[in-house]
Amino acid sequence: RRVYEAPEPADGARVLVDRLWPRGLAKSAAALDEWLKGAAPSEELRKW
């Protein structure tokens, strides 16, 4: 799902898998359980 969408009860564990923090989203509003940057594409691949 998109991190900007409101959380749903069926979401279970909500994990951000982007390397960069989403623009305009307050950390308090993100409703995340974890942020795993290491699963995201490398910076080099993302930029390419």
ModelCIF file with pLDDT and N, C-alpha, C, O atoms, coordinates in Angstrom:
data_MODEL
#
_entry.id   MODEL 
#
_entity.id                         1 
_entity.type                       polymer 
_entity.pdbx_number_of_molecules   1 
#
_entity_poly.entity_id                      1 
_entity_poly.type                           'polypeptide(L)' 
_entity_poly.nstd_linkage                   no 
_entity_poly.nstd_monomer                   no 
_entity_poly.pdbx_seq_one_letter_code       RRVYEAPEPADGARVLVDRLWPRGLAKSAAALDEWLKGAAPSEELRKW 
_entity_poly.pdbx_seq_one_letter_code_can   RRVYEAPEPADGARVLVDRLWPRGLAKSAAALDEWLKGAAPSEELRKW 
_entity_poly.pdbx_strand_id                 A 
#
loop_
_entity_poly_seq.entity_id 
_entity_poly_seq.num 
_entity_poly_seq.mon_id 
_entity_poly_seq.hetero 
1 1  ARG n 
1 2  ARG n 
1 3  VAL n 
1 4  TYR n 
1 5  GLU n 
1 6  ALA n 
1 7  PRO n 
1 8  GLU n 
1 9  PRO n 
1 10 ALA n 
1 11 ASP n 
1 12 GLY n 
1 13 ALA n 
1 14 ARG n 
1 15 VAL n 
1 16 LEU n 
1 17 VAL n 
1 18 ASP n 
1 19 ARG n 
1 20 LEU n 
1 21 TRP n 
1 22 PRO n 
1 23 ARG n 
1 24 GLY n 
1 25 LEU n 
1 26 ALA n 
1 27 LYS n 
1 28 SER n 
1 29 ALA n 
1 30 ALA n 
1 31 ALA n 
1 32 LEU n 
1 33 ASP n 
1 34 GLU n 
1 35 TRP n 
1 36 LEU n 
1 37 LYS n 
1 38 GLY n 
1 39 ALA n 
1 40 ALA n 
1 41 PRO n 
1 42 SER n 
1 43 GLU n 
1 44 GLU n 
1 45 LEU n 
1 46 ARG n 
1 47 LYS n 
1 48 TRP n 
#
_struct_asym.id          A 
_struct_asym.entity_id   1 
#
loop_
_ma_qa_metric.id 
_ma_qa_metric.mode 
_ma_qa_metric.name 
_ma_qa_metric.software_group_id 
_ma_qa_metric.type 
1 global pLDDT . pLDDT 
2 local  pLDDT . pLDDT 
#
_ma_qa_metric_global.metric_id      1 
_ma_qa_metric_global.metric_value   95.19 
_ma_qa_metric_global.model_id       1 
_ma_qa_metric_global.ordinal_id     1 
#
loop_
_ma_qa_metric_local.label_asym_id 
_ma_qa_metric_local.label_comp_id 
_ma_qa_metric_local.label_seq_id 
_ma_qa_metric_local.metric_id 
_ma_qa_metric_local.metric_value 
_ma_qa_metric_local.model_id 
_ma_qa_metric_local.ordinal_id 
A ARG 1  2 97.00 1 1  
A ARG 2  2 97.00 1 2  
A VAL 3  2 97.00 1 3  
A TYR 4  2 95.00 1 4  
A GLU 5  2 94.00 1 5  
A ALA 6  2 93.00 1 6  
A PRO 7  2 93.00 1 7  
A GLU 8  2 93.00 1 8  
A PRO 9  2 92.00 1 9  
A ALA 10 2 94.00 1 10 
A ASP 11 2 95.00 1 11 
A GLY 12 2 95.00 1 12 
A ALA 13 2 96.00 1 13 
A ARG 14 2 97.00 1 14 
A VAL 15 2 98.00 1 15 
A LEU 16 2 98.00 1 16 
A VAL 17 2 98.00 1 17 
A ASP 18 2 98.00 1 18 
A ARG 19 2 96.00 1 19 
A LEU 20 2 96.00 1 20 
A TRP 21 2 97.00 1 21 
A PRO 22 2 96.00 1 22 
A ARG 23 2 95.00 1 23 
A GLY 24 2 95.00 1 24 
A LEU 25 2 95.00 1 25 
A ALA 26 2 93.00 1 26 
A LYS 27 2 88.00 1 27 
A SER 28 2 85.00 1 28 
A ALA 29 2 86.00 1 29 
A ALA 30 2 88.00 1 30 
A ALA 31 2 92.00 1 31 
A LEU 32 2 95.00 1 32 
A ASP 33 2 96.00 1 33 
A GLU 34 2 97.00 1 34 
A TRP 35 2 97.00 1 35 
A LEU 36 2 98.00 1 36 
A LYS 37 2 97.00 1 37 
A GLY 38 2 96.00 1 38 
A ALA 39 2 96.00 1 39 
A ALA 40 2 98.00 1 40 
A PRO 41 2 98.00 1 41 
A SER 42 2 97.00 1 42 
A GLU 43 2 96.00 1 43 
A GLU 44 2 97.00 1 44 
A LEU 45 2 98.00 1 45 
A ARG 46 2 96.00 1 46 
A LYS 47 2 97.00 1 47 
A TRP 48 2 98.00 1 48 
#
loop_
_atom_site.group_PDB 
_atom_site.id 
_atom_site.type_symbol 
_atom_site.label_atom_id 
_atom_site.label_alt_id 
_atom_site.label_comp_id 
_atom_site.label_asym_id 
_atom_site.label_entity_id 
_atom_site.label_seq_id 
_atom_site.pdbx_PDB_ins_code 
_atom_site.Cartn_x 
_atom_site.Cartn_y 
_atom_site.Cartn_z 
_atom_site.occupancy 
_atom_site.B_iso_or_equiv 
_atom_site.pdbx_formal_charge 
_atom_site.auth_seq_id 
_atom_site.auth_comp_id 
_atom_site.auth_asym_id 
_atom_site.auth_atom_id 
_atom_site.pdbx_PDB_model_num 
ATOM 1   N N  . ARG A 1 1  ? 0.852  -1.199 0.000   1.00 97.00 ? 1  ARG A N  1 
ATOM 2   C CA . ARG A 1 1  ? 0.000  0.000  0.000   1.00 97.00 ? 1  ARG A CA 1 
ATOM 3   C C  . ARG A 1 1  ? 0.881  1.240  0.000   1.00 97.00 ? 1  ARG A C  1 
ATOM 4   O O  . ARG A 1 1  ? 2.080  1.181  0.274   1.00 97.00 ? 1  ARG A O  1 
ATOM 5   N N  . ARG A 1 2  ? 0.250  2.360  -0.315  1.00 97.00 ? 2  ARG A N  1 
ATOM 6   C CA . ARG A 1 2  ? 0.947  3.646  -0.217  1.00 97.00 ? 2  ARG A CA 1 
ATOM 7   C C  . ARG A 1 2  ? 0.940  4.094  1.237   1.00 97.00 ? 2  ARG A C  1 
ATOM 8   O O  . ARG A 1 2  ? -0.065 3.947  1.934   1.00 97.00 ? 2  ARG A O  1 
ATOM 9   N N  . VAL A 1 3  ? 2.039  4.630  1.684   1.00 97.00 ? 3  VAL A N  1 
ATOM 10  C CA . VAL A 1 3  ? 2.180  5.057  3.070   1.00 97.00 ? 3  VAL A CA 1 
ATOM 11  C C  . VAL A 1 3  ? 1.248  6.228  3.392   1.00 97.00 ? 3  VAL A C  1 
ATOM 12  O O  . VAL A 1 3  ? 0.933  6.458  4.559   1.00 97.00 ? 3  VAL A O  1 
ATOM 13  N N  . TYR A 1 4  ? 0.807  6.964  2.380   1.00 95.00 ? 4  TYR A N  1 
ATOM 14  C CA . TYR A 1 4  ? -0.066 8.112  2.589   1.00 95.00 ? 4  TYR A CA 1 
ATOM 15  C C  . TYR A 1 4  ? -1.523 7.704  2.827   1.00 95.00 ? 4  TYR A C  1 
ATOM 16  O O  . TYR A 1 4  ? -2.328 8.526  3.266   1.00 95.00 ? 4  TYR A O  1 
ATOM 17  N N  . GLU A 1 5  ? -1.870 6.447  2.544   1.00 94.00 ? 5  GLU A N  1 
ATOM 18  C CA . GLU A 1 5  ? -3.234 5.973  2.760   1.00 94.00 ? 5  GLU A CA 1 
ATOM 19  C C  . GLU A 1 5  ? -3.457 5.725  4.243   1.00 94.00 ? 5  GLU A C  1 
ATOM 20  O O  . GLU A 1 5  ? -2.535 5.351  4.968   1.00 94.00 ? 5  GLU A O  1 
ATOM 21  N N  . ALA A 1 6  ? -4.699 5.938  4.688   1.00 93.00 ? 6  ALA A N  1 
ATOM 22  C CA . ALA A 1 6  ? -5.033 5.716  6.094   1.00 93.00 ? 6  ALA A CA 1 
ATOM 23  C C  . ALA A 1 6  ? -4.858 4.244  6.450   1.00 93.00 ? 6  ALA A C  1 
ATOM 24  O O  . ALA A 1 6  ? -5.181 3.368  5.648   1.00 93.00 ? 6  ALA A O  1 
ATOM 25  N N  . PRO A 1 7  ? -4.352 3.971  7.641   1.00 93.00 ? 7  PRO A N  1 
ATOM 26  C CA . PRO A 1 7  ? -4.206 2.579  8.072   1.00 93.00 ? 7  PRO A CA 1 
ATOM 27  C C  . PRO A 1 7  ? -5.559 1.870  8.135   1.00 93.00 ? 7  PRO A C  1 
ATOM 28  O O  . PRO A 1 7  ? -6.589 2.490  8.401   1.00 93.00 ? 7  PRO A O  1 
ATOM 29  N N  . GLU A 1 8  ? -5.535 0.572  7.887   1.00 93.00 ? 8  GLU A N  1 
ATOM 30  C CA . GLU A 1 8  ? -6.736 -0.251 7.976   1.00 93.00 ? 8  GLU A CA 1 
ATOM 31  C C  . GLU A 1 8  ? -6.491 -1.340 9.015   1.00 93.00 ? 8  GLU A C  1 
ATOM 32  O O  . GLU A 1 8  ? -5.352 -1.765 9.208   1.00 93.00 ? 8  GLU A O  1 
ATOM 33  N N  . PRO A 1 9  ? -7.537 -1.790 9.679   1.00 92.00 ? 9  PRO A N  1 
ATOM 34  C CA . PRO A 1 9  ? -7.355 -2.867 10.665  1.00 92.00 ? 9  PRO A CA 1 
ATOM 35  C C  . PRO A 1 9  ? -6.740 -4.126 10.059  1.00 92.00 ? 9  PRO A C  1 
ATOM 36  O O  . PRO A 1 9  ? -6.033 -4.860 10.751  1.00 92.00 ? 9  PRO A O  1 
ATOM 37  N N  . ALA A 1 10 ? -6.997 -4.385 8.785   1.00 94.00 ? 10 ALA A N  1 
ATOM 38  C CA . ALA A 1 10 ? -6.486 -5.597 8.127   1.00 94.00 ? 10 ALA A CA 1 
ATOM 39  C C  . ALA A 1 10 ? -5.011 -5.490 7.741   1.00 94.00 ? 10 ALA A C  1 
ATOM 40  O O  . ALA A 1 10 ? -4.445 -6.452 7.221   1.00 94.00 ? 10 ALA A O  1 
ATOM 41  N N  . ASP A 1 11 ? -4.379 -4.342 7.984   1.00 95.00 ? 11 ASP A N  1 
ATOM 42  C CA . ASP A 1 11 ? -2.984 -4.147 7.584   1.00 95.00 ? 11 ASP A CA 1 
ATOM 43  C C  . ASP A 1 11 ? -2.007 -5.054 8.328   1.00 95.00 ? 11 ASP A C  1 
ATOM 44  O O  . ASP A 1 11 ? -0.969 -5.417 7.775   1.00 95.00 ? 11 ASP A O  1 
ATOM 45  N N  . GLY A 1 12 ? -2.311 -5.418 9.546   1.00 95.00 ? 12 GLY A N  1 
ATOM 46  C CA . GLY A 1 12 ? -1.347 -6.182 10.327  1.00 95.00 ? 12 GLY A CA 1 
ATOM 47  C C  . GLY A 1 12 ? -0.133 -5.315 10.617  1.00 95.00 ? 12 GLY A C  1 
ATOM 48  O O  . GLY A 1 12 ? -0.276 -4.152 10.993  1.00 95.00 ? 12 GLY A O  1 
ATOM 49  N N  . ALA A 1 13 ? 1.063  -5.871 10.446  1.00 96.00 ? 13 ALA A N  1 
ATOM 50  C CA . ALA A 1 13 ? 2.303  -5.114 10.659  1.00 96.00 ? 13 ALA A CA 1 
ATOM 51  C C  . ALA A 1 13 ? 2.516  -4.183 9.468   1.00 96.00 ? 13 ALA A C  1 
ATOM 52  O O  . ALA A 1 13 ? 2.503  -4.617 8.316   1.00 96.00 ? 13 ALA A O  1 
ATOM 53  N N  . ARG A 1 14 ? 2.710  -2.904 9.761   1.00 97.00 ? 14 ARG A N  1 
ATOM 54  C CA . ARG A 1 14 ? 2.913  -1.888 8.715   1.00 97.00 ? 14 ARG A CA 1 
ATOM 55  C C  . ARG A 1 14 ? 4.392  -1.499 8.693   1.00 97.00 ? 14 ARG A C  1 
ATOM 56  O O  . ARG A 1 14 ? 4.926  -0.962 9.664   1.00 97.00 ? 14 ARG A O  1 
ATOM 57  N N  . VAL A 1 15 ? 5.043  -1.787 7.552   1.00 98.00 ? 15 VAL A N  1 
ATOM 58  C CA . VAL A 1 15 ? 6.489  -1.576 7.463   1.00 98.00 ? 15 VAL A CA 1 
ATOM 59  C C  . VAL A 1 15 ? 6.810  -0.703 6.250   1.00 98.00 ? 15 VAL A C  1 
ATOM 60  O O  . VAL A 1 15 ? 6.469  -1.045 5.118   1.00 98.00 ? 15 VAL A O  1 
ATOM 61  N N  . LEU A 1 16 ? 7.458  0.404  6.498   1.00 98.00 ? 16 LEU A N  1 
ATOM 62  C CA . LEU A 1 16 ? 7.930  1.265  5.414   1.00 98.00 ? 16 LEU A CA 1 
ATOM 63  C C  . LEU A 1 16 ? 9.168  0.627  4.811   1.00 98.00 ? 16 LEU A C  1 
ATOM 64  O O  . LEU A 1 16 ? 10.108 0.281  5.527   1.00 98.00 ? 16 LEU A O  1 
ATOM 65  N N  . VAL A 1 17 ? 9.169  0.472  3.488   1.00 98.00 ? 17 VAL A N  1 
ATOM 66  C CA . VAL A 1 17 ? 10.296 -0.183 2.818   1.00 98.00 ? 17 VAL A CA 1 
ATOM 67  C C  . VAL A 1 17 ? 10.956 0.737  1.786   1.00 98.00 ? 17 VAL A C  1 
ATOM 68  O O  . VAL A 1 17 ? 11.513 0.262  0.796   1.00 98.00 ? 17 VAL A O  1 
ATOM 69  N N  . ASP A 1 18 ? 10.892 2.040  2.015   1.00 98.00 ? 18 ASP A N  1 
ATOM 70  C CA . ASP A 1 18 ? 11.586 3.026  1.182   1.00 98.00 ? 18 ASP A CA 1 
ATOM 71  C C  . ASP A 1 18 ? 12.879 3.423  1.871   1.00 98.00 ? 18 ASP A C  1 
ATOM 72  O O  . ASP A 1 18 ? 12.973 3.389  3.098   1.00 98.00 ? 18 ASP A O  1 
ATOM 73  N N  . ARG A 1 19 ? 13.868 3.798  1.085   1.00 96.00 ? 19 ARG A N  1 
ATOM 74  C CA . ARG A 1 19 ? 15.150 4.220  1.658   1.00 96.00 ? 19 ARG A CA 1 
ATOM 75  C C  . ARG A 1 19 ? 15.043 5.629  2.239   1.00 96.00 ? 19 ARG A C  1 
ATOM 76  O O  . ARG A 1 19 ? 15.700 5.952  3.229   1.00 96.00 ? 19 ARG A O  1 
ATOM 77  N N  . LEU A 1 20 ? 14.206 6.466  1.614   1.00 96.00 ? 20 LEU A N  1 
ATOM 78  C CA . LEU A 1 20 ? 14.032 7.849  2.063   1.00 96.00 ? 20 LEU A CA 1 
ATOM 79  C C  . LEU A 1 20 ? 12.688 8.005  2.766   1.00 96.00 ? 20 LEU A C  1 
ATOM 80  O O  . LEU A 1 20 ? 11.719 7.322  2.435   1.00 96.00 ? 20 LEU A O  1 
ATOM 81  N N  . TRP A 1 21 ? 12.641 8.919  3.745   1.00 97.00 ? 21 TRP A N  1 
ATOM 82  C CA . TRP A 1 21 ? 11.379 9.191  4.426   1.00 97.00 ? 21 TRP A CA 1 
ATOM 83  C C  . TRP A 1 21 ? 10.428 9.889  3.452   1.00 97.00 ? 21 TRP A C  1 
ATOM 84  O O  . TRP A 1 21 ? 10.854 10.774 2.710   1.00 97.00 ? 21 TRP A O  1 
ATOM 85  N N  . PRO A 1 22 ? 9.144  9.508  3.441   1.00 96.00 ? 22 PRO A N  1 
ATOM 86  C CA . PRO A 1 22 ? 8.168  10.105 2.517   1.00 96.00 ? 22 PRO A CA 1 
ATOM 87  C C  . PRO A 1 22 ? 7.990  11.605 2.743   1.00 96.00 ? 22 PRO A C  1 
ATOM 88  O O  . PRO A 1 22 ? 7.868  12.067 3.878   1.00 96.00 ? 22 PRO A O  1 
ATOM 89  N N  . ARG A 1 23 ? 7.977  12.340 1.659   1.00 95.00 ? 23 ARG A N  1 
ATOM 90  C CA . ARG A 1 23 ? 7.812  13.798 1.730   1.00 95.00 ? 23 ARG A CA 1 
ATOM 91  C C  . ARG A 1 23 ? 6.465  14.171 2.337   1.00 95.00 ? 23 ARG A C  1 
ATOM 92  O O  . ARG A 1 23 ? 5.432  13.579 2.025   1.00 95.00 ? 23 ARG A O  1 
ATOM 93  N N  . GLY A 1 24 ? 6.508  15.165 3.210   1.00 95.00 ? 24 GLY A N  1 
ATOM 94  C CA . GLY A 1 24 ? 5.285  15.728 3.764   1.00 95.00 ? 24 GLY A CA 1 
ATOM 95  C C  . GLY A 1 24 ? 4.558  14.847 4.770   1.00 95.00 ? 24 GLY A C  1 
ATOM 96  O O  . GLY A 1 24 ? 3.435  15.166 5.159   1.00 95.00 ? 24 GLY A O  1 
ATOM 97  N N  . LEU A 1 25 ? 5.156  13.769 5.191   1.00 95.00 ? 25 LEU A N  1 
ATOM 98  C CA . LEU A 1 25 ? 4.500  12.871 6.137   1.00 95.00 ? 25 LEU A CA 1 
ATOM 99  C C  . LEU A 1 25 ? 5.188  12.977 7.495   1.00 95.00 ? 25 LEU A C  1 
ATOM 100 O O  . LEU A 1 25 ? 6.382  12.704 7.623   1.00 95.00 ? 25 LEU A O  1 
ATOM 101 N N  . ALA A 1 26 ? 4.425  13.373 8.496   1.00 93.00 ? 26 ALA A N  1 
ATOM 102 C CA . ALA A 1 26 ? 4.974  13.447 9.852   1.00 93.00 ? 26 ALA A CA 1 
ATOM 103 C C  . ALA A 1 26 ? 5.163  12.032 10.388  1.00 93.00 ? 26 ALA A C  1 
ATOM 104 O O  . ALA A 1 26 ? 4.327  11.158 10.164  1.00 93.00 ? 26 ALA A O  1 
ATOM 105 N N  . LYS A 1 27 ? 6.250  11.819 11.085  1.00 88.00 ? 27 LYS A N  1 
ATOM 106 C CA . LYS A 1 27 ? 6.513  10.482 11.631  1.00 88.00 ? 27 LYS A CA 1 
ATOM 107 C C  . LYS A 1 27 ? 5.393  10.038 12.571  1.00 88.00 ? 27 LYS A C  1 
ATOM 108 O O  . LYS A 1 27 ? 5.070  8.852  12.635  1.00 88.00 ? 27 LYS A O  1 
ATOM 109 N N  . SER A 1 28 ? 4.809  10.969 13.287  1.00 85.00 ? 28 SER A N  1 
ATOM 110 C CA . SER A 1 28 ? 3.723  10.620 14.201  1.00 85.00 ? 28 SER A CA 1 
ATOM 111 C C  . SER A 1 28 ? 2.462  10.187 13.450  1.00 85.00 ? 28 SER A C  1 
ATOM 112 O O  . SER A 1 28 ? 1.645  9.451  14.003  1.00 85.00 ? 28 SER A O  1 
ATOM 113 N N  . ALA A 1 29 ? 2.288  10.626 12.212  1.00 86.00 ? 29 ALA A N  1 
ATOM 114 C CA . ALA A 1 29 ? 1.097  10.297 11.419  1.00 86.00 ? 29 ALA A CA 1 
ATOM 115 C C  . ALA A 1 29 ? 1.280  9.053  10.558  1.00 86.00 ? 29 ALA A C  1 
ATOM 116 O O  . ALA A 1 29 ? 0.331  8.604  9.915   1.00 86.00 ? 29 ALA A O  1 
ATOM 117 N N  . ALA A 1 30 ? 2.478  8.494  10.536  1.00 88.00 ? 30 ALA A N  1 
ATOM 118 C CA . ALA A 1 30 ? 2.770  7.390  9.615   1.00 88.00 ? 30 ALA A CA 1 
ATOM 119 C C  . ALA A 1 30 ? 2.165  6.056  10.045  1.00 88.00 ? 30 ALA A C  1 
ATOM 120 O O  . ALA A 1 30 ? 1.945  5.188  9.201   1.00 88.00 ? 30 ALA A O  1 
ATOM 121 N N  . ALA A 1 31 ? 1.898  5.878  11.310  1.00 92.00 ? 31 ALA A N  1 
ATOM 122 C CA . ALA A 1 31 ? 1.335  4.629  11.845  1.00 92.00 ? 31 ALA A CA 1 
ATOM 123 C C  . ALA A 1 31 ? 2.156  3.416  11.394  1.00 92.00 ? 31 ALA A C  1 
ATOM 124 O O  . ALA A 1 31 ? 1.619  2.439  10.871  1.00 92.00 ? 31 ALA A O  1 
ATOM 125 N N  . LEU A 1 32 ? 3.462  3.506  11.608  1.00 95.00 ? 32 LEU A N  1 
ATOM 126 C CA . LEU A 1 32 ? 4.371  2.424  11.217  1.00 95.00 ? 32 LEU A CA 1 
ATOM 127 C C  . LEU A 1 32 ? 4.715  1.549  12.406  1.00 95.00 ? 32 LEU A C  1 
ATOM 128 O O  . LEU A 1 32 ? 4.744  1.995  13.553  1.00 95.00 ? 32 LEU A O  1 
ATOM 129 N N  . ASP A 1 33 ? 4.977  0.283  12.093  1.00 96.00 ? 33 ASP A N  1 
ATOM 130 C CA . ASP A 1 33 ? 5.542  -0.601 13.103  1.00 96.00 ? 33 ASP A CA 1 
ATOM 131 C C  . ASP A 1 33 ? 7.062  -0.629 12.989  1.00 96.00 ? 33 ASP A C  1 
ATOM 132 O O  . ASP A 1 33 ? 7.773  -0.718 13.989  1.00 96.00 ? 33 ASP A O  1 
ATOM 133 N N  . GLU A 1 34 ? 7.549  -0.551 11.740  1.00 97.00 ? 34 GLU A N  1 
ATOM 134 C CA . GLU A 1 34 ? 8.999  -0.547 11.518  1.00 97.00 ? 34 GLU A CA 1 
ATOM 135 C C  . GLU A 1 34 ? 9.308  0.181  10.216  1.00 97.00 ? 34 GLU A C  1 
ATOM 136 O O  . GLU A 1 34 ? 8.441  0.373  9.364   1.00 97.00 ? 34 GLU A O  1 
ATOM 137 N N  . TRP A 1 35 ? 10.573 0.579  10.089  1.00 97.00 ? 35 TRP A N  1 
ATOM 138 C CA . TRP A 1 35 ? 11.094 1.160  8.851   1.00 97.00 ? 35 TRP A CA 1 
ATOM 139 C C  . TRP A 1 35 ? 12.342 0.361  8.498   1.00 97.00 ? 35 TRP A C  1 
ATOM 140 O O  . TRP A 1 35 ? 13.360 0.451  9.183   1.00 97.00 ? 35 TRP A O  1 
ATOM 141 N N  . LEU A 1 36 ? 12.258 -0.415 7.435   1.00 98.00 ? 36 LEU A N  1 
ATOM 142 C CA . LEU A 1 36 ? 13.382 -1.263 7.030   1.00 98.00 ? 36 LEU A CA 1 
ATOM 143 C C  . LEU A 1 36 ? 13.980 -0.737 5.723   1.00 98.00 ? 36 LEU A C  1 
ATOM 144 O O  . LEU A 1 36 ? 13.621 -1.186 4.635   1.00 98.00 ? 36 LEU A O  1 
ATOM 145 N N  . LYS A 1 37 ? 14.884 0.208  5.853   1.00 97.00 ? 37 LYS A N  1 
ATOM 146 C CA . LYS A 1 37 ? 15.521 0.842  4.691   1.00 97.00 ? 37 LYS A CA 1 
ATOM 147 C C  . LYS A 1 37 ? 16.354 -0.133 3.880   1.00 97.00 ? 37 LYS A C  1 
ATOM 148 O O  . LYS A 1 37 ? 16.473 0.003  2.662   1.00 97.00 ? 37 LYS A O  1 
ATOM 149 N N  . GLY A 1 38 ? 16.933 -1.122 4.562   1.00 96.00 ? 38 GLY A N  1 
ATOM 150 C CA . GLY A 1 38 ? 17.843 -2.049 3.903   1.00 96.00 ? 38 GLY A CA 1 
ATOM 151 C C  . GLY A 1 38 ? 17.179 -2.951 2.872   1.00 96.00 ? 38 GLY A C  1 
ATOM 152 O O  . GLY A 1 38 ? 17.868 -3.576 2.065   1.00 96.00 ? 38 GLY A O  1 
ATOM 153 N N  . ALA A 1 39 ? 15.850 -3.027 2.886   1.00 96.00 ? 39 ALA A N  1 
ATOM 154 C CA . ALA A 1 39 ? 15.136 -3.834 1.899   1.00 96.00 ? 39 ALA A CA 1 
ATOM 155 C C  . ALA A 1 39 ? 14.827 -3.040 0.635   1.00 96.00 ? 39 ALA A C  1 
ATOM 156 O O  . ALA A 1 39 ? 14.393 -3.605 -0.369  1.00 96.00 ? 39 ALA A O  1 
ATOM 157 N N  . ALA A 1 40 ? 15.049 -1.749 0.685   1.00 98.00 ? 40 ALA A N  1 
ATOM 158 C CA . ALA A 1 40 ? 14.777 -0.878 -0.469  1.00 98.00 ? 40 ALA A CA 1 
ATOM 159 C C  . ALA A 1 40 ? 15.926 -0.982 -1.480  1.00 98.00 ? 40 ALA A C  1 
ATOM 160 O O  . ALA A 1 40 ? 17.026 -1.409 -1.130  1.00 98.00 ? 40 ALA A O  1 
ATOM 161 N N  . PRO A 1 41 ? 15.670 -0.594 -2.721  1.00 98.00 ? 41 PRO A N  1 
ATOM 162 C CA . PRO A 1 41 ? 16.766 -0.574 -3.711  1.00 98.00 ? 41 PRO A CA 1 
ATOM 163 C C  . PRO A 1 41 ? 17.885 0.360  -3.248  1.00 98.00 ? 41 PRO A C  1 
ATOM 164 O O  . PRO A 1 41 ? 17.650 1.327  -2.523  1.00 98.00 ? 41 PRO A O  1 
ATOM 165 N N  . SER A 1 42 ? 19.078 0.054  -3.674  1.00 97.00 ? 42 SER A N  1 
ATOM 166 C CA . SER A 1 42 ? 20.218 0.909  -3.336  1.00 97.00 ? 42 SER A CA 1 
ATOM 167 C C  . SER A 1 42 ? 19.984 2.314  -3.887  1.00 97.00 ? 42 SER A C  1 
ATOM 168 O O  . SER A 1 42 ? 19.188 2.513  -4.805  1.00 97.00 ? 42 SER A O  1 
ATOM 169 N N  . GLU A 1 43 ? 20.692 3.279  -3.309  1.00 96.00 ? 43 GLU A N  1 
ATOM 170 C CA . GLU A 1 43 ? 20.559 4.661  -3.784  1.00 96.00 ? 43 GLU A CA 1 
ATOM 171 C C  . GLU A 1 43 ? 20.933 4.750  -5.262  1.00 96.00 ? 43 GLU A C  1 
ATOM 172 O O  . GLU A 1 43 ? 20.276 5.446  -6.036  1.00 96.00 ? 43 GLU A O  1 
ATOM 173 N N  . GLU A 1 44 ? 21.976 4.053  -5.639  1.00 97.00 ? 44 GLU A N  1 
ATOM 174 C CA . GLU A 1 44 ? 22.424 4.067  -7.034  1.00 97.00 ? 44 GLU A CA 1 
ATOM 175 C C  . GLU A 1 44 ? 21.335 3.527  -7.969  1.00 97.00 ? 44 GLU A C  1 
ATOM 176 O O  . GLU A 1 44 ? 21.054 4.129  -9.006  1.00 97.00 ? 44 GLU A O  1 
ATOM 177 N N  . LEU A 1 45 ? 20.730 2.408  -7.609  1.00 98.00 ? 45 LEU A N  1 
ATOM 178 C CA . LEU A 1 45 ? 19.682 1.822  -8.445  1.00 98.00 ? 45 LEU A CA 1 
ATOM 179 C C  . LEU A 1 45 ? 18.449 2.713  -8.469  1.00 98.00 ? 45 LEU A C  1 
ATOM 180 O O  . LEU A 1 45 ? 17.837 2.908  -9.519  1.00 98.00 ? 45 LEU A O  1 
ATOM 181 N N  . ARG A 1 46 ? 18.090 3.247  -7.323  1.00 96.00 ? 46 ARG A N  1 
ATOM 182 C CA . ARG A 1 46 ? 16.920 4.134  -7.238  1.00 96.00 ? 46 ARG A CA 1 
ATOM 183 C C  . ARG A 1 46 ? 17.090 5.351  -8.143  1.00 96.00 ? 46 ARG A C  1 
ATOM 184 O O  . ARG A 1 46 ? 16.167 5.728  -8.865  1.00 96.00 ? 46 ARG A O  1 
ATOM 185 N N  . LYS A 1 47 ? 18.265 5.960  -8.100  1.00 97.00 ? 47 LYS A N  1 
ATOM 186 C CA . LYS A 1 47 ? 18.513 7.145  -8.941  1.00 97.00 ? 47 LYS A CA 1 
ATOM 187 C C  . LYS A 1 47 ? 18.539 6.780  -10.419 1.00 97.00 ? 47 LYS A C  1 
ATOM 188 O O  . LYS A 1 47 ? 18.012 7.519  -11.251 1.00 97.00 ? 47 LYS A O  1 
ATOM 189 N N  . TRP A 1 48 ? 19.144 5.651  -10.750 1.00 98.00 ? 48 TRP A N  1 
ATOM 190 C CA . TRP A 1 48 ? 19.185 5.222  -12.151 1.00 98.00 ? 48 TRP A CA 1 
ATOM 191 C C  . TRP A 1 48 ? 17.774 4.998  -12.684 1.00 98.00 ? 48 TRP A C  1 
ATOM 192 O O  . TRP A 1 48 ? 17.604 4.633  -13.847 1.00 98.00 ? 48 TRP A O  1 
#
